[in-house]
Amino acid sequence: MKKKIGVVLSGCGVYDGAEVHESVITLLAIDRAGAEAVCMAPNTDQLHVINHLTGEEVKGEKRNVLVESARIARGDIKDIAEVKADDLDALIFPGGFGAAKNLCDFAVKGENCEVHPEVKRLVKEFEQKQKPQAVCCIAPAMMAKIYEDSDANPTLTIGNDADTSSKMEAMGTKHQNAVVTEVVVDVPNRIVSTPAYMLGQNIGEVAEGIEKTVNQLVKMI
């Protein structure tokens, strides 16, 4: 039976949701690793909607994170509230601003952010059951917040951005600099992280880092 890896999406589009390249690369890497992806997202409104052509906010428009994430998942997606750690063997979070705007509000509040309760619940379940997890791009900042109230002090990477990494360290995380094609493996806490488009200049090098991340995640199951 194939191992099941949960993929937590945060919308559709780099500026207000899940980064599409990172999400698709993750799904492809999971399939190539012989595992099964189980897509999910919180059933909640996005922080806001961004016109990806202009980069400007679209005033007055609302979009639902689960509905938008379904675009990437080709409709095969679950409400994260219905998913338990017992249903999965591993968990991964692609990046995109949605991870810092919709799964948590790190983009707005920095180290004083709050995490969506269902996202926090699932990550905590994985921590308690010592099941492996992975975070890409800006998602490690969200993971840092979730682990803030524990003694785990996970080692994570978002690349080498000093401002973001200092906020993560303020939450108790140990930050390790890495290049886009590298992964950082926190063995005790069973968490893998990679910078992805926090540093990536092209889709090829982002793919290399994410593929390594997924392969490492599968090895840890």
Protein backbone atom coordinates (compact mmCIF):
# COMPACT_ATOMS: atom_id res chain seq x y z
CA MET A 1 0.00 0.00 0.00
CA LYS A 2 1.28 3.46 -0.91
CA LYS A 3 2.34 5.81 1.85
CA LYS A 4 0.04 8.81 2.18
CA ILE A 5 1.55 12.28 2.37
CA GLY A 6 -0.67 15.19 3.27
CA VAL A 7 -0.11 18.34 1.20
CA VAL A 8 -1.46 21.45 2.90
CA LEU A 9 -2.36 24.14 0.38
CA SER A 10 -3.17 27.78 1.16
CA GLY A 11 -4.99 29.00 -1.94
CA CYS A 12 -3.83 29.35 -5.53
CA GLY A 13 -1.17 31.89 -6.47
CA VAL A 14 2.09 33.06 -4.98
CA TYR A 15 0.94 36.45 -3.69
CA ASP A 16 -2.22 35.40 -1.86
CA GLY A 17 -2.16 31.60 -1.76
CA ALA A 18 -0.03 28.53 -2.38
CA GLU A 19 2.88 28.97 -4.78
CA VAL A 20 1.71 27.03 -7.83
CA HIS A 21 5.16 25.86 -9.01
CA GLU A 22 6.09 24.65 -5.54
CA SER A 23 2.75 22.89 -5.10
CA VAL A 24 2.89 21.08 -8.44
CA ILE A 25 6.53 20.12 -7.96
CA THR A 26 5.61 18.70 -4.55
CA LEU A 27 2.74 16.65 -5.98
CA LEU A 28 4.94 15.34 -8.80
CA ALA A 29 7.79 14.46 -6.44
CA ILE A 30 5.41 12.56 -4.17
CA ASP A 31 4.08 10.56 -7.10
CA ARG A 32 7.57 9.81 -8.40
CA ALA A 33 8.58 8.66 -4.91
CA GLY A 34 5.84 6.03 -5.06
CA ALA A 35 3.63 7.72 -2.47
CA GLU A 36 0.12 9.16 -2.61
CA ALA A 37 -0.60 12.86 -2.10
CA VAL A 38 -3.62 13.83 -0.03
CA CYS A 39 -4.39 17.50 -0.61
CA MET A 40 -6.11 19.62 2.00
CA ALA A 41 -6.70 23.24 2.97
CA PRO A 42 -8.61 25.20 5.60
CA ASN A 43 -12.17 26.18 4.73
CA THR A 44 -11.78 29.90 5.38
CA ASP A 45 -11.54 33.21 3.53
CA GLN A 46 -8.19 34.39 2.23
CA LEU A 47 -6.64 37.42 3.92
CA HIS A 48 -7.15 39.28 0.64
CA VAL A 49 -7.08 38.79 -3.13
CA ILE A 50 -4.13 39.91 -5.24
CA ASN A 51 -4.23 40.59 -8.98
CA HIS A 52 -1.24 38.52 -10.07
CA LEU A 53 -0.85 40.56 -13.25
CA THR A 54 -0.42 43.88 -11.47
CA GLY A 55 0.52 42.78 -7.96
CA GLU A 56 -2.20 45.02 -6.54
CA GLU A 57 -4.87 44.05 -4.03
CA VAL A 58 -8.37 43.64 -5.47
CA LYS A 59 -10.53 45.64 -3.09
CA GLY A 60 -13.86 44.14 -2.10
CA GLU A 61 -13.20 40.67 -3.52
CA LYS A 62 -13.22 37.55 -1.34
CA ARG A 63 -12.00 34.07 -2.11
CA ASN A 64 -12.10 30.86 -0.09
CA VAL A 65 -8.80 29.10 0.64
CA LEU A 66 -10.23 25.59 0.19
CA VAL A 67 -12.04 26.49 -3.04
CA GLU A 68 -8.96 28.15 -4.52
CA SER A 69 -6.68 25.28 -3.43
CA ALA A 70 -9.01 22.88 -5.24
CA ARG A 71 -7.76 24.41 -8.51
CA ILE A 72 -4.30 22.97 -7.86
CA ALA A 73 -5.67 19.67 -6.54
CA ARG A 74 -7.96 19.21 -9.58
CA GLY A 75 -10.89 19.11 -7.18
CA ASP A 76 -9.54 16.18 -5.16
CA ILE A 77 -9.10 17.94 -1.83
CA LYS A 78 -10.23 17.74 1.79
CA ASP A 79 -11.12 20.29 4.43
CA ILE A 80 -8.16 20.11 6.82
CA ALA A 81 -10.64 20.00 9.74
CA GLU A 82 -11.62 16.51 8.58
CA VAL A 83 -8.04 15.16 8.51
CA LYS A 84 -6.22 13.51 11.40
CA ALA A 85 -2.59 12.49 11.77
CA ASP A 86 -3.72 8.85 11.89
CA ASP A 87 -4.93 9.22 8.28
CA LEU A 88 -1.45 10.08 6.97
CA ASP A 89 2.17 8.96 7.07
CA ALA A 90 3.77 12.38 6.53
CA LEU A 91 2.86 16.03 5.99
CA ILE A 92 4.27 18.78 3.76
CA PHE A 93 3.55 22.49 3.34
CA PRO A 94 4.44 24.15 0.02
CA GLY A 95 5.15 27.87 0.28
CA GLY A 96 3.66 30.98 -1.23
CA PHE A 97 2.39 34.00 0.70
CA GLY A 98 -0.74 32.03 1.53
CA ALA A 99 1.29 30.07 4.09
CA ALA A 100 2.03 33.39 5.84
CA LYS A 101 -1.35 35.04 5.18
CA ASN A 102 -3.96 32.26 5.28
CA LEU A 103 -2.44 29.37 7.25
CA CYS A 104 -1.12 31.95 9.71
CA ASP A 105 -0.73 35.74 9.72
CA PHE A 106 3.06 35.93 9.92
CA ALA A 107 3.07 38.27 6.90
CA VAL A 108 1.12 40.79 8.97
CA LYS A 109 2.20 40.20 12.57
CA GLY A 110 5.63 38.59 12.31
CA GLU A 111 6.66 36.69 15.43
CA ASN A 112 3.39 37.76 17.11
CA CYS A 113 1.36 35.85 14.54
CA GLU A 114 -1.37 33.29 15.12
CA VAL A 115 -1.78 30.01 13.24
CA HIS A 116 -5.09 28.73 11.87
CA PRO A 117 -6.39 26.42 14.61
CA GLU A 118 -6.90 23.38 12.37
CA VAL A 119 -3.42 23.74 10.88
CA LYS A 120 -1.93 23.97 14.35
CA ARG A 121 -3.95 20.99 15.55
CA LEU A 122 -2.77 18.74 12.73
CA VAL A 123 0.89 19.72 13.10
CA LYS A 124 0.68 19.12 16.85
CA GLU A 125 -0.82 15.68 16.21
CA PHE A 126 2.09 14.86 13.93
CA GLU A 127 4.52 16.08 16.56
CA GLN A 128 2.90 13.92 19.24
CA LYS A 129 2.95 10.83 17.02
CA GLN A 130 6.52 11.58 15.83
CA LYS A 131 5.48 11.47 12.19
CA PRO A 132 7.69 13.37 9.70
CA GLN A 133 6.79 16.81 8.37
CA ALA A 134 8.27 19.17 5.78
CA VAL A 135 7.99 22.90 5.13
CA CYS A 136 9.03 24.86 2.05
CA CYS A 137 9.73 28.53 1.31
CA ILE A 138 8.09 30.77 3.96
CA ALA A 139 6.15 27.90 5.62
CA PRO A 140 8.98 27.27 8.15
CA ALA A 141 8.00 30.59 9.80
CA MET A 142 4.54 29.15 10.45
CA MET A 143 6.10 25.96 11.81
CA ALA A 144 8.29 28.03 14.14
CA LYS A 145 5.18 29.62 15.64
CA ILE A 146 3.48 26.26 16.17
CA TYR A 147 6.52 24.94 18.04
CA GLU A 148 7.01 28.16 20.03
CA ASP A 149 5.25 26.85 23.12
CA SER A 150 7.22 23.57 23.18
CA ASP A 151 10.76 22.73 24.23
CA ALA A 152 11.56 21.26 20.82
CA ASN A 153 13.40 24.33 19.42
CA PRO A 154 13.39 22.95 15.87
CA THR A 155 16.14 23.73 13.36
CA LEU A 156 14.62 25.15 10.17
CA THR A 157 15.62 27.16 7.11
CA ILE A 158 14.00 29.81 4.96
CA GLY A 159 17.29 30.40 3.14
CA ASN A 160 19.33 33.36 4.35
CA ASP A 161 16.91 36.27 4.85
CA ALA A 162 18.09 37.93 8.06
CA ASP A 163 14.83 39.69 8.89
CA THR A 164 12.66 36.59 8.57
CA SER A 165 15.14 34.27 10.27
CA SER A 166 15.50 36.67 13.23
CA LYS A 167 11.73 36.61 13.73
CA MET A 168 11.80 32.82 13.62
CA GLU A 169 14.57 32.74 16.20
CA ALA A 170 12.51 35.08 18.39
CA MET A 171 9.95 32.26 18.46
CA GLY A 172 12.55 29.77 19.68
CA THR A 173 13.55 28.20 16.38
CA LYS A 174 17.17 27.64 15.43
CA HIS A 175 17.68 28.96 11.91
CA GLN A 176 20.21 27.37 9.57
CA ASN A 177 21.19 29.14 6.37
CA ALA A 178 20.85 27.08 3.20
CA VAL A 179 20.90 27.54 -0.56
CA VAL A 180 17.87 26.82 -2.71
CA THR A 181 18.94 23.30 -3.68
CA GLU A 182 19.66 22.24 -0.09
CA VAL A 183 17.49 20.73 2.62
CA VAL A 184 17.84 21.05 6.37
CA VAL A 185 16.88 17.95 8.32
CA ASP A 186 15.99 18.26 11.99
CA VAL A 187 16.34 14.61 12.98
CA PRO A 188 15.07 14.81 16.59
CA ASN A 189 11.92 16.72 15.59
CA ARG A 190 11.53 14.89 12.25
CA ILE A 191 11.13 18.11 10.23
CA VAL A 192 12.63 18.80 6.78
CA SER A 193 12.83 22.31 5.32
CA THR A 194 14.06 23.93 2.10
CA PRO A 195 14.16 27.58 0.89
CA ALA A 196 12.42 27.06 -2.47
CA TYR A 197 11.32 30.45 -3.90
CA MET A 198 12.61 32.34 -0.87
CA LEU A 199 15.87 32.06 -2.83
CA GLY A 200 15.00 30.36 -6.11
CA GLN A 201 15.85 32.13 -9.36
CA ASN A 202 14.26 29.51 -11.60
CA ILE A 203 11.88 26.57 -11.40
CA GLY A 204 14.66 24.01 -11.97
CA GLU A 205 16.62 24.80 -8.83
CA VAL A 206 13.43 25.11 -6.79
CA ALA A 207 12.43 21.67 -8.05
CA GLU A 208 15.77 20.21 -6.99
CA GLY A 209 15.33 21.39 -3.41
CA ILE A 210 11.71 20.27 -3.14
CA GLU A 211 12.41 16.87 -4.70
CA LYS A 212 15.19 16.31 -2.14
CA THR A 213 12.77 17.38 0.58
CA VAL A 214 10.08 14.93 -0.51
CA ASN A 215 12.57 12.09 -0.91
CA GLN A 216 13.93 12.74 2.58
CA LEU A 217 10.40 12.88 3.95
CA VAL A 218 9.59 9.49 2.41
CA LYS A 219 12.76 7.99 3.90
CA MET A 220 11.65 9.13 7.35
CA ILE A 221 8.28 7.38 7.20
